All heavy atoms as atom14 arrays in JSON, in Angstrom:
{
  "sequence": "NFWQCGQQTGPGLFLQRRQLAINWAKCPALDNSIIMAVKEKGASRHL",
  "atom14_mask": [
    [1, 1, 1, 1, 1, 1, 1, 1, 0, 0, 0, 0, 0, 0],
    [1, 1, 1, 1, 1, 1, 1, 1, 1, 1, 1, 0, 0, 0],
    [1, 1, 1, 1, 1, 1, 1, 1, 1, 1, 1, 1, 1, 1],
    [1, 1, 1, 1, 1, 1, 1, 1, 1, 0, 0, 0, 0, 0],
    [1, 1, 1, 1, 1, 1, 0, 0, 0, 0, 0, 0, 0, 0],
    [1, 1, 1, 1, 0, 0, 0, 0, 0, 0, 0, 0, 0, 0],
    [1, 1, 1, 1, 1, 1, 1, 1, 1, 0, 0, 0, 0, 0],
    [1, 1, 1, 1, 1, 1, 1, 1, 1, 0, 0, 0, 0, 0],
    [1, 1, 1, 1, 1, 1, 1, 0, 0, 0, 0, 0, 0, 0],
    [1, 1, 1, 1, 0, 0, 0, 0, 0, 0, 0, 0, 0, 0],
    [1, 1, 1, 1, 1, 1, 1, 0, 0, 0, 0, 0, 0, 0],
    [1, 1, 1, 1, 0, 0, 0, 0, 0, 0, 0, 0, 0, 0],
    [1, 1, 1, 1, 1, 1, 1, 1, 0, 0, 0, 0, 0, 0],
    [1, 1, 1, 1, 1, 1, 1, 1, 1, 1, 1, 0, 0, 0],
    [1, 1, 1, 1, 1, 1, 1, 1, 0, 0, 0, 0, 0, 0],
    [1, 1, 1, 1, 1, 1, 1, 1, 1, 0, 0, 0, 0, 0],
    [1, 1, 1, 1, 1, 1, 1, 1, 1, 1, 1, 0, 0, 0],
    [1, 1, 1, 1, 1, 1, 1, 1, 1, 1, 1, 0, 0, 0],
    [1, 1, 1, 1, 1, 1, 1, 1, 1, 0, 0, 0, 0, 0],
    [1, 1, 1, 1, 1, 1, 1, 1, 0, 0, 0, 0, 0, 0],
    [1, 1, 1, 1, 1, 0, 0, 0, 0, 0, 0, 0, 0, 0],
    [1, 1, 1, 1, 1, 1, 1, 1, 0, 0, 0, 0, 0, 0],
    [1, 1, 1, 1, 1, 1, 1, 1, 0, 0, 0, 0, 0, 0],
    [1, 1, 1, 1, 1, 1, 1, 1, 1, 1, 1, 1, 1, 1],
    [1, 1, 1, 1, 1, 0, 0, 0, 0, 0, 0, 0, 0, 0],
    [1, 1, 1, 1, 1, 1, 1, 1, 1, 0, 0, 0, 0, 0],
    [1, 1, 1, 1, 1, 1, 0, 0, 0, 0, 0, 0, 0, 0],
    [1, 1, 1, 1, 1, 1, 1, 0, 0, 0, 0, 0, 0, 0],
    [1, 1, 1, 1, 1, 0, 0, 0, 0, 0, 0, 0, 0, 0],
    [1, 1, 1, 1, 1, 1, 1, 1, 0, 0, 0, 0, 0, 0],
    [1, 1, 1, 1, 1, 1, 1, 1, 0, 0, 0, 0, 0, 0],
    [1, 1, 1, 1, 1, 1, 1, 1, 0, 0, 0, 0, 0, 0],
    [1, 1, 1, 1, 1, 1, 0, 0, 0, 0, 0, 0, 0, 0],
    [1, 1, 1, 1, 1, 1, 1, 1, 0, 0, 0, 0, 0, 0],
    [1, 1, 1, 1, 1, 1, 1, 1, 0, 0, 0, 0, 0, 0],
    [1, 1, 1, 1, 1, 1, 1, 1, 0, 0, 0, 0, 0, 0],
    [1, 1, 1, 1, 1, 0, 0, 0, 0, 0, 0, 0, 0, 0],
    [1, 1, 1, 1, 1, 1, 1, 0, 0, 0, 0, 0, 0, 0],
    [1, 1, 1, 1, 1, 1, 1, 1, 1, 0, 0, 0, 0, 0],
    [1, 1, 1, 1, 1, 1, 1, 1, 1, 0, 0, 0, 0, 0],
    [1, 1, 1, 1, 1, 1, 1, 1, 1, 0, 0, 0, 0, 0],
    [1, 1, 1, 1, 0, 0, 0, 0, 0, 0, 0, 0, 0, 0],
    [1, 1, 1, 1, 1, 0, 0, 0, 0, 0, 0, 0, 0, 0],
    [1, 1, 1, 1, 1, 1, 0, 0, 0, 0, 0, 0, 0, 0],
    [1, 1, 1, 1, 1, 1, 1, 1, 1, 1, 1, 0, 0, 0],
    [1, 1, 1, 1, 1, 1, 1, 1, 1, 1, 0, 0, 0, 0],
    [1, 1, 1, 1, 1, 1, 1, 1, 0, 0, 0, 0, 0, 0]
  ],
  "atom14_positions": [
    [[0.85, -1.22, 0.0], [-0.03, -0.02, 0.03], [0.77, 1.25, 0.03], [0.54, 2.2, -0.73], [-0.92, 0.05, 1.24], [-2.13, -1.04, 1.12], [-2.35, -1.45, -0.03], [-2.65, -1.45, 2.29], [0.0, 0.0, 0.0], [0.0, 0.0, 0.0], [0.0, 0.0, 0.0], [0.0, 0.0, 0.0], [0.0, 0.0, 0.0], [0.0, 0.0, 0.0]],
    [[1.94, 1.26, 0.7], [2.88, 2.35, 0.8], [3.57, 2.59, -0.53], [3.62, 3.68, -1.1], [3.86, 2.14, 1.96], [4.88, 3.34, 2.19], [4.49, 4.31, 3.04], [6.07, 3.28, 1.51], [5.41, 5.46, 3.23], [6.91, 4.36, 1.63], [6.6, 5.41, 2.63], [0.0, 0.0, 0.0], [0.0, 0.0, 0.0], [0.0, 0.0, 0.0]],
    [[3.98, 1.57, -1.13], [4.69, 1.51, -2.37], [3.68, 2.07, -3.53], [4.03, 2.99, -4.28], [5.11, 0.11, -2.78], [5.78, -0.01, -4.17], [6.98, 0.18, -4.44], [5.14, -0.26, -5.36], [7.23, 0.0, -5.84], [6.06, -0.21, -6.42], [3.78, -0.42, -5.84], [5.84, -0.47, -7.68], [3.44, -0.67, -7.13], [4.55, -0.74, -8.13]],
    [[2.38, 1.7, -3.47], [1.49, 2.0, -4.57], [1.19, 3.53, -4.31], [1.12, 4.28, -5.4], [0.15, 1.26, -4.41], [-0.8, 1.57, -5.49], [-0.3, 1.14, -6.87], [0.16, 0.09, -7.0], [-0.53, 2.15, -7.75], [0.0, 0.0, 0.0], [0.0, 0.0, 0.0], [0.0, 0.0, 0.0], [0.0, 0.0, 0.0], [0.0, 0.0, 0.0]],
    [[1.04, 3.98, -3.1], [0.82, 5.39, -2.96], [1.92, 6.18, -3.49], [1.69, 7.32, -3.92], [0.58, 5.65, -1.45], [0.13, 7.3, -1.13], [0.0, 0.0, 0.0], [0.0, 0.0, 0.0], [0.0, 0.0, 0.0], [0.0, 0.0, 0.0], [0.0, 0.0, 0.0], [0.0, 0.0, 0.0], [0.0, 0.0, 0.0], [0.0, 0.0, 0.0]],
    [[3.13, 5.78, -3.51], [4.27, 6.46, -3.87], [4.63, 6.53, -5.38], [5.64, 7.09, -5.79], [0.0, 0.0, 0.0], [0.0, 0.0, 0.0], [0.0, 0.0, 0.0], [0.0, 0.0, 0.0], [0.0, 0.0, 0.0], [0.0, 0.0, 0.0], [0.0, 0.0, 0.0], [0.0, 0.0, 0.0], [0.0, 0.0, 0.0], [0.0, 0.0, 0.0]],
    [[3.81, 5.74, -6.18], [4.06, 5.63, -7.57], [3.59, 6.93, -8.3], [2.69, 7.58, -7.86], [3.52, 4.39, -8.11], [3.93, 3.11, -7.44], [5.55, 2.99, -7.55], [6.14, 3.01, -8.51], [6.11, 2.99, -6.3], [0.0, 0.0, 0.0], [0.0, 0.0, 0.0], [0.0, 0.0, 0.0], [0.0, 0.0, 0.0], [0.0, 0.0, 0.0]],
    [[4.11, 7.08, -9.52], [3.73, 8.12, -10.34], [2.26, 8.0, -10.7], [1.61, 9.12, -10.93], [4.61, 8.18, -11.54], [6.07, 8.5, -11.34], [6.87, 8.6, -12.67], [6.33, 9.29, -13.62], [8.05, 8.17, -12.7], [0.0, 0.0, 0.0], [0.0, 0.0, 0.0], [0.0, 0.0, 0.0], [0.0, 0.0, 0.0], [0.0, 0.0, 0.0]],
    [[1.69, 6.92, -10.68], [0.27, 6.78, -10.93], [-0.51, 6.97, -9.71], [-1.83, 6.97, -9.87], [0.05, 5.38, -11.6], [0.5, 4.34, -10.73], [0.68, 5.36, -12.92], [0.0, 0.0, 0.0], [0.0, 0.0, 0.0], [0.0, 0.0, 0.0], [0.0, 0.0, 0.0], [0.0, 0.0, 0.0], [0.0, 0.0, 0.0], [0.0, 0.0, 0.0]],
    [[0.1, 6.93, -8.61], [-0.64, 7.19, -7.27], [-0.58, 8.69, -6.78], [-0.15, 9.54, -7.69], [0.0, 0.0, 0.0], [0.0, 0.0, 0.0], [0.0, 0.0, 0.0], [0.0, 0.0, 0.0], [0.0, 0.0, 0.0], [0.0, 0.0, 0.0], [0.0, 0.0, 0.0], [0.0, 0.0, 0.0], [0.0, 0.0, 0.0], [0.0, 0.0, 0.0]],
    [[-1.08, 8.9, -5.7], [-1.13, 10.23, -5.13], [0.27, 10.86, -4.83], [0.42, 12.05, -4.71], [-2.02, 10.12, -3.91], [-1.86, 8.73, -3.43], [-1.79, 7.92, -4.79], [0.0, 0.0, 0.0], [0.0, 0.0, 0.0], [0.0, 0.0, 0.0], [0.0, 0.0, 0.0], [0.0, 0.0, 0.0], [0.0, 0.0, 0.0], [0.0, 0.0, 0.0]],
    [[1.24, 10.0, -4.6], [2.44, 10.55, -4.26], [2.75, 10.6, -2.84], [1.78, 10.59, -2.02], [0.0, 0.0, 0.0], [0.0, 0.0, 0.0], [0.0, 0.0, 0.0], [0.0, 0.0, 0.0], [0.0, 0.0, 0.0], [0.0, 0.0, 0.0], [0.0, 0.0, 0.0], [0.0, 0.0, 0.0], [0.0, 0.0, 0.0], [0.0, 0.0, 0.0]],
    [[4.06, 10.51, -2.33], [4.32, 10.7, -0.91], [5.33, 11.76, -0.84], [6.31, 11.85, -1.59], [4.98, 9.26, -0.42], [4.12, 8.22, -0.27], [4.85, 6.92, -0.1], [3.05, 8.43, 0.89], [0.0, 0.0, 0.0], [0.0, 0.0, 0.0], [0.0, 0.0, 0.0], [0.0, 0.0, 0.0], [0.0, 0.0, 0.0], [0.0, 0.0, 0.0]],
    [[5.18, 12.72, 0.12], [5.88, 13.93, 0.3], [6.35, 14.07, 1.73], [5.88, 13.75, 2.64], [5.0, 15.13, -0.04], [4.46, 15.16, -1.51], [3.48, 14.3, -1.9], [5.08, 15.92, -2.47], [3.0, 14.35, -3.23], [4.66, 15.92, -3.77], [3.66, 15.22, -4.13], [0.0, 0.0, 0.0], [0.0, 0.0, 0.0], [0.0, 0.0, 0.0]],
    [[7.61, 14.72, 1.79], [8.18, 15.29, 2.97], [8.63, 16.69, 2.62], [9.33, 16.87, 1.68], [9.34, 14.34, 3.54], [8.85, 13.22, 4.25], [10.19, 12.32, 4.71], [8.02, 13.51, 5.51], [0.0, 0.0, 0.0], [0.0, 0.0, 0.0], [0.0, 0.0, 0.0], [0.0, 0.0, 0.0], [0.0, 0.0, 0.0], [0.0, 0.0, 0.0]],
    [[8.18, 17.69, 3.45], [8.66, 19.05, 3.25], [8.33, 19.39, 1.79], [9.26, 20.13, 1.25], [10.15, 19.19, 3.55], [10.39, 18.88, 5.04], [11.98, 18.97, 5.29], [12.67, 19.6, 4.61], [12.37, 18.28, 6.38], [0.0, 0.0, 0.0], [0.0, 0.0, 0.0], [0.0, 0.0, 0.0], [0.0, 0.0, 0.0], [0.0, 0.0, 0.0]],
    [[7.1, 19.13, 1.2], [6.74, 19.44, 0.06], [7.66, 18.78, -1.18], [7.49, 19.25, -2.35], [6.65, 20.92, -0.22], [5.67, 21.58, 0.69], [5.56, 23.16, 0.36], [4.52, 23.7, 1.28], [4.22, 25.0, 1.2], [4.78, 25.75, 0.28], [3.3, 25.53, 1.94], [0.0, 0.0, 0.0], [0.0, 0.0, 0.0], [0.0, 0.0, 0.0]],
    [[8.42, 17.86, -0.85], [9.31, 17.17, -1.79], [8.71, 15.83, -2.06], [8.62, 15.03, -1.1], [10.66, 17.1, -1.31], [11.67, 16.49, -2.39], [13.03, 16.7, -1.89], [14.05, 16.12, -2.91], [15.3, 16.32, -2.82], [15.91, 16.9, -1.78], [16.17, 15.77, -3.83], [0.0, 0.0, 0.0], [0.0, 0.0, 0.0], [0.0, 0.0, 0.0]],
    [[8.58, 15.53, -3.4], [8.15, 14.1, -3.56], [9.2, 13.21, -3.52], [10.33, 13.33, -3.84], [7.44, 13.95, -4.96], [6.71, 12.68, -5.32], [5.88, 12.57, -6.47], [5.93, 13.59, -7.22], [5.19, 11.59, -6.7], [0.0, 0.0, 0.0], [0.0, 0.0, 0.0], [0.0, 0.0, 0.0], [0.0, 0.0, 0.0], [0.0, 0.0, 0.0]],
    [[8.88, 11.97, -2.89], [9.73, 11.04, -2.47], [9.84, 9.95, -3.63], [8.88, 9.69, -4.3], [9.62, 10.28, -1.37], [9.44, 11.19, -0.07], [9.03, 10.3, 1.14], [10.67, 12.0, 0.25], [0.0, 0.0, 0.0], [0.0, 0.0, 0.0], [0.0, 0.0, 0.0], [0.0, 0.0, 0.0], [0.0, 0.0, 0.0], [0.0, 0.0, 0.0]],
    [[11.1, 9.41, -3.84], [11.23, 8.29, -4.84], [10.99, 6.92, -4.12], [11.74, 6.68, -3.11], [12.63, 8.34, -5.47], [0.0, 0.0, 0.0], [0.0, 0.0, 0.0], [0.0, 0.0, 0.0], [0.0, 0.0, 0.0], [0.0, 0.0, 0.0], [0.0, 0.0, 0.0], [0.0, 0.0, 0.0], [0.0, 0.0, 0.0], [0.0, 0.0, 0.0]],
    [[10.11, 6.21, -4.52], [9.71, 4.9, -3.87], [9.96, 3.77, -4.79], [9.53, 3.71, -5.9], [8.18, 5.04, -3.47], [7.94, 6.22, -2.74], [7.76, 3.72, -2.65], [8.57, 6.29, -1.29], [0.0, 0.0, 0.0], [0.0, 0.0, 0.0], [0.0, 0.0, 0.0], [0.0, 0.0, 0.0], [0.0, 0.0, 0.0], [0.0, 0.0, 0.0]],
    [[10.58, 2.61, -4.19], [10.72, 1.47, -4.92], [10.9, 0.27, -3.96], [11.04, 0.55, -2.77], [11.95, 1.47, -5.9], [11.63, 0.59, -7.06], [10.92, -0.4, -7.06], [12.53, 0.87, -8.16], [0.0, 0.0, 0.0], [0.0, 0.0, 0.0], [0.0, 0.0, 0.0], [0.0, 0.0, 0.0], [0.0, 0.0, 0.0], [0.0, 0.0, 0.0]],
    [[10.81, -0.93, -4.55], [10.99, -2.11, -3.62], [12.46, -2.27, -3.14], [13.38, -1.77, -3.9], [10.58, -3.36, -4.42], [9.04, -3.47, -4.67], [8.55, -3.39, -5.91], [8.03, -3.52, -3.55], [7.22, -3.56, -5.64], [6.83, -3.47, -4.36], [8.04, -3.41, -2.27], [5.52, -3.52, -3.74], [6.78, -3.6, -1.65], [5.65, -3.57, -2.36]],
    [[12.78, -2.87, -2.12], [14.07, -3.27, -1.64], [14.01, -4.65, -1.14], [12.93, -5.3, -1.19], [14.46, -2.24, -0.54], [0.0, 0.0, 0.0], [0.0, 0.0, 0.0], [0.0, 0.0, 0.0], [0.0, 0.0, 0.0], [0.0, 0.0, 0.0], [0.0, 0.0, 0.0], [0.0, 0.0, 0.0], [0.0, 0.0, 0.0], [0.0, 0.0, 0.0]],
    [[15.12, -5.02, -0.68], [15.31, -6.46, -0.28], [15.73, -6.5, 1.24], [16.55, -5.62, 1.65], [16.28, -7.26, -1.13], [15.94, -7.35, -2.49], [17.05, -8.11, -3.31], [16.68, -8.26, -4.85], [17.69, -8.93, -5.52], [0.0, 0.0, 0.0], [0.0, 0.0, 0.0], [0.0, 0.0, 0.0], [0.0, 0.0, 0.0], [0.0, 0.0, 0.0]],
    [[15.24, -7.43, 2.0], [15.65, -7.57, 3.43], [15.4, -8.96, 3.9], [14.7, -9.69, 3.3], [14.87, -6.57, 4.27], [13.17, -6.96, 4.55], [0.0, 0.0, 0.0], [0.0, 0.0, 0.0], [0.0, 0.0, 0.0], [0.0, 0.0, 0.0], [0.0, 0.0, 0.0], [0.0, 0.0, 0.0], [0.0, 0.0, 0.0], [0.0, 0.0, 0.0]],
    [[16.12, -9.29, 4.99], [15.85, -10.65, 5.56], [14.37, -11.0, 5.82], [13.73, -10.09, 6.24], [16.87, -10.81, 6.66], [17.82, -9.67, 6.42], [17.05, -8.53, 5.72], [0.0, 0.0, 0.0], [0.0, 0.0, 0.0], [0.0, 0.0, 0.0], [0.0, 0.0, 0.0], [0.0, 0.0, 0.0], [0.0, 0.0, 0.0], [0.0, 0.0, 0.0]],
    [[14.07, -12.35, 5.9], [12.82, -12.65, 6.32], [12.59, -12.23, 7.8], [13.43, -12.35, 8.56], [12.54, -14.14, 6.08], [0.0, 0.0, 0.0], [0.0, 0.0, 0.0], [0.0, 0.0, 0.0], [0.0, 0.0, 0.0], [0.0, 0.0, 0.0], [0.0, 0.0, 0.0], [0.0, 0.0, 0.0], [0.0, 0.0, 0.0], [0.0, 0.0, 0.0]],
    [[11.37, -11.99, 8.24], [11.09, -11.66, 9.48], [11.1, -12.74, 10.51], [10.36, -13.79, 10.09], [9.78, -10.84, 9.64], [9.4, -10.12, 11.0], [10.52, -9.1, 11.25], [8.06, -9.44, 10.83], [0.0, 0.0, 0.0], [0.0, 0.0, 0.0], [0.0, 0.0, 0.0], [0.0, 0.0, 0.0], [0.0, 0.0, 0.0], [0.0, 0.0, 0.0]],
    [[11.82, -12.89, 11.51], [11.77, -13.88, 12.44], [10.4, -14.32, 13.03], [9.79, -13.3, 13.43], [12.86, -13.6, 13.61], [13.19, -14.77, 14.51], [12.42, -15.04, 15.34], [14.15, -15.38, 14.26], [0.0, 0.0, 0.0], [0.0, 0.0, 0.0], [0.0, 0.0, 0.0], [0.0, 0.0, 0.0], [0.0, 0.0, 0.0], [0.0, 0.0, 0.0]],
    [[10.19, -15.43, 13.16], [8.82, -15.97, 13.67], [8.59, -15.36, 15.02], [7.44, -15.15, 15.47], [8.69, -17.35, 13.69], [8.35, -17.95, 12.17], [7.91, -17.14, 11.44], [8.81, -19.18, 11.93], [0.0, 0.0, 0.0], [0.0, 0.0, 0.0], [0.0, 0.0, 0.0], [0.0, 0.0, 0.0], [0.0, 0.0, 0.0], [0.0, 0.0, 0.0]],
    [[9.56, -15.3, 15.82], [9.4, -14.76, 17.35], [8.83, -13.39, 17.25], [8.23, -13.03, 18.21], [10.73, -14.93, 18.06], [11.77, -14.1, 17.55], [0.0, 0.0, 0.0], [0.0, 0.0, 0.0], [0.0, 0.0, 0.0], [0.0, 0.0, 0.0], [0.0, 0.0, 0.0], [0.0, 0.0, 0.0], [0.0, 0.0, 0.0], [0.0, 0.0, 0.0]],
    [[9.35, -12.55, 16.28], [8.93, -11.14, 16.31], [7.41, -11.13, 15.78], [6.66, -10.35, 16.31], [9.8, -10.53, 15.42], [11.16, -10.25, 15.94], [9.21, -8.92, 15.11], [12.21, -9.48, 15.01], [0.0, 0.0, 0.0], [0.0, 0.0, 0.0], [0.0, 0.0, 0.0], [0.0, 0.0, 0.0], [0.0, 0.0, 0.0], [0.0, 0.0, 0.0]],
    [[7.24, -12.02, 14.79], [5.8, -12.04, 14.3], [4.83, -12.39, 15.48], [3.76, -11.77, 15.58], [5.59, -13.06, 13.19], [6.38, -12.52, 12.0], [4.18, -13.2, 12.75], [6.54, -13.53, 10.88], [0.0, 0.0, 0.0], [0.0, 0.0, 0.0], [0.0, 0.0, 0.0], [0.0, 0.0, 0.0], [0.0, 0.0, 0.0], [0.0, 0.0, 0.0]],
    [[5.13, -13.42, 16.32], [4.33, -13.82, 17.3], [4.26, -12.77, 18.47], [3.11, -12.61, 19.05], [4.87, -15.15, 17.98], [4.81, -16.27, 16.99], [3.13, -16.76, 16.39], [2.39, -17.08, 17.98], [0.0, 0.0, 0.0], [0.0, 0.0, 0.0], [0.0, 0.0, 0.0], [0.0, 0.0, 0.0], [0.0, 0.0, 0.0], [0.0, 0.0, 0.0]],
    [[5.3, -12.06, 18.77], [5.31, -11.0, 19.72], [4.41, -9.91, 19.28], [3.62, -9.28, 20.24], [6.62, -10.46, 19.95], [0.0, 0.0, 0.0], [0.0, 0.0, 0.0], [0.0, 0.0, 0.0], [0.0, 0.0, 0.0], [0.0, 0.0, 0.0], [0.0, 0.0, 0.0], [0.0, 0.0, 0.0], [0.0, 0.0, 0.0], [0.0, 0.0, 0.0]],
    [[4.37, -9.56, 18.08], [3.48, -8.5, 17.58], [2.11, -8.94, 17.64], [1.13, -8.18, 18.09], [3.73, -8.23, 16.06], [2.7, -7.31, 15.42], [5.12, -7.5, 15.92], [0.0, 0.0, 0.0], [0.0, 0.0, 0.0], [0.0, 0.0, 0.0], [0.0, 0.0, 0.0], [0.0, 0.0, 0.0], [0.0, 0.0, 0.0], [0.0, 0.0, 0.0]],
    [[1.78, -10.22, 17.26], [0.34, -10.69, 17.32], [-0.08, -10.95, 18.75], [-1.24, -10.67, 19.11], [0.29, -11.93, 16.51], [0.44, -11.83, 15.04], [0.29, -13.26, 14.29], [0.32, -13.07, 12.81], [0.22, -14.35, 12.28], [0.0, 0.0, 0.0], [0.0, 0.0, 0.0], [0.0, 0.0, 0.0], [0.0, 0.0, 0.0], [0.0, 0.0, 0.0]],
    [[0.6, -11.44, 19.67], [0.22, -11.83, 21.0], [0.42, -10.77, 21.96], [-0.38, -10.71, 23.01], [0.92, -13.1, 21.35], [0.63, -14.32, 20.47], [1.36, -15.61, 20.82], [2.25, -15.47, 21.84], [1.27, -16.66, 20.27], [0.0, 0.0, 0.0], [0.0, 0.0, 0.0], [0.0, 0.0, 0.0], [0.0, 0.0, 0.0], [0.0, 0.0, 0.0]],
    [[1.49, -9.88, 21.79], [1.69, -8.95, 22.91], [1.62, -7.54, 22.37], [1.89, -6.56, 23.18], [3.19, -9.17, 23.36], [3.4, -10.63, 24.02], [4.85, -10.79, 24.51], [5.0, -12.2, 25.11], [6.41, -12.35, 25.5], [0.0, 0.0, 0.0], [0.0, 0.0, 0.0], [0.0, 0.0, 0.0], [0.0, 0.0, 0.0], [0.0, 0.0, 0.0]],
    [[1.41, -7.38, 21.03], [1.32, -5.97, 20.59], [2.71, -5.32, 20.45], [2.72, -4.12, 20.57], [0.0, 0.0, 0.0], [0.0, 0.0, 0.0], [0.0, 0.0, 0.0], [0.0, 0.0, 0.0], [0.0, 0.0, 0.0], [0.0, 0.0, 0.0], [0.0, 0.0, 0.0], [0.0, 0.0, 0.0], [0.0, 0.0, 0.0], [0.0, 0.0, 0.0]],
    [[3.67, -6.14, 20.35], [5.06, -5.62, 20.31], [5.28, -4.61, 19.13], [4.62, -4.7, 18.12], [6.07, -6.74, 20.17], [0.0, 0.0, 0.0], [0.0, 0.0, 0.0], [0.0, 0.0, 0.0], [0.0, 0.0, 0.0], [0.0, 0.0, 0.0], [0.0, 0.0, 0.0], [0.0, 0.0, 0.0], [0.0, 0.0, 0.0], [0.0, 0.0, 0.0]],
    [[6.12, -3.58, 19.41], [6.37, -2.65, 18.41], [7.72, -1.96, 18.84], [8.34, -2.24, 19.72], [5.21, -1.54, 18.34], [5.38, -0.69, 19.42], [0.0, 0.0, 0.0], [0.0, 0.0, 0.0], [0.0, 0.0, 0.0], [0.0, 0.0, 0.0], [0.0, 0.0, 0.0], [0.0, 0.0, 0.0], [0.0, 0.0, 0.0], [0.0, 0.0, 0.0]],
    [[8.11, -1.0, 17.87], [9.29, -0.25, 18.25], [9.15, 0.94, 19.24], [10.15, 1.59, 19.72], [9.84, 0.47, 16.91], [10.24, -0.57, 15.75], [10.86, 0.24, 14.6], [9.94, 1.23, 14.11], [10.42, 2.46, 13.82], [11.64, 2.88, 14.19], [9.47, 3.4, 13.36], [0.0, 0.0, 0.0], [0.0, 0.0, 0.0], [0.0, 0.0, 0.0]],
    [[7.76, 1.17, 19.6], [7.47, 2.2, 20.38], [7.1, 1.81, 21.75], [6.32, 0.93, 22.08], [6.2, 2.94, 19.75], [6.31, 3.1, 18.21], [7.03, 4.09, 17.68], [5.82, 2.38, 17.23], [7.08, 3.99, 16.41], [6.31, 2.88, 16.05], [0.0, 0.0, 0.0], [0.0, 0.0, 0.0], [0.0, 0.0, 0.0], [0.0, 0.0, 0.0]],
    [[7.78, 2.34, 22.79], [7.59, 2.07, 24.12], [7.17, 3.3, 24.95], [7.63, 4.4, 24.69], [8.98, 1.69, 24.71], [9.69, 0.47, 24.09], [11.07, 0.21, 24.7], [8.89, -0.78, 24.28], [0.0, 0.0, 0.0], [0.0, 0.0, 0.0], [0.0, 0.0, 0.0], [0.0, 0.0, 0.0], [0.0, 0.0, 0.0], [0.0, 0.0, 0.0]]
  ]
}
């Protein structure tokens, strides 16, 4: 959804009135323990 919003055919994503360049990237698979902590405990980066 974030990627689609940032495409030229979408509404665009902006910071300080500047349109951002959006594309896919690669990253490691998410560890199952983190997935479970998010689902069961509401874990997040925010404390």
